Amino acid sequence: MSRYRAGRLMKYLNLSSCQPGKHQYKKCPSGAYQPAESA
């Protein structure tokens, strides 16, 4: 699944993605959504 579709899906489900554009995975609290690069 592409990052774009994942973001759209999360918006549809009212979830929050912890990447406001650029890579900021390290700033996410543990347990937050972290997209897998190899998915």
Protein backbone atom coordinates (compact mmCIF):
# COMPACT_ATOMS: atom_id res chain seq x y z
CA MET A 1 0.00 0.00 0.00
CA SER A 2 1.35 3.39 -0.92
CA ARG A 3 1.93 6.10 1.65
CA TYR A 4 -0.69 8.22 -0.09
CA ARG A 5 -3.37 5.55 0.21
CA ALA A 6 -2.39 4.80 3.78
CA GLY A 7 -2.78 8.47 4.67
CA ARG A 8 -6.17 8.69 2.94
CA LEU A 9 -7.32 5.54 4.70
CA MET A 10 -6.20 6.86 8.06
CA LYS A 11 -8.03 10.14 7.48
CA TYR A 12 -11.13 8.16 6.54
CA LEU A 13 -10.88 6.18 9.75
CA ASN A 14 -10.18 9.32 11.80
CA LEU A 15 -6.74 8.09 12.80
CA SER A 16 -3.73 10.31 13.11
CA SER A 17 -0.56 9.65 11.20
CA CYS A 18 2.51 10.87 13.01
CA GLN A 19 4.31 12.06 9.94
CA PRO A 20 3.38 15.64 9.04
CA GLY A 21 4.99 15.36 5.61
CA LYS A 22 8.62 14.42 6.07
CA HIS A 23 10.13 11.49 7.90
CA GLN A 24 9.65 12.04 11.59
CA TYR A 25 9.17 8.48 12.78
CA LYS A 26 11.58 9.00 15.68
CA LYS A 27 9.37 11.74 17.10
CA CYS A 28 6.40 9.40 17.30
CA PRO A 29 5.49 8.01 20.69
CA SER A 30 5.82 4.25 20.91
CA GLY A 31 2.60 2.65 19.78
CA ALA A 32 1.90 5.36 17.23
CA TYR A 33 1.40 4.51 13.59
CA GLN A 34 4.72 3.92 11.86
CA PRO A 35 4.48 2.96 8.18
CA ALA A 36 6.72 0.12 7.10
CA GLU A 37 8.98 1.13 4.23
CA SER A 38 9.05 -2.41 2.84
CA ALA A 39 5.31 -2.99 2.91
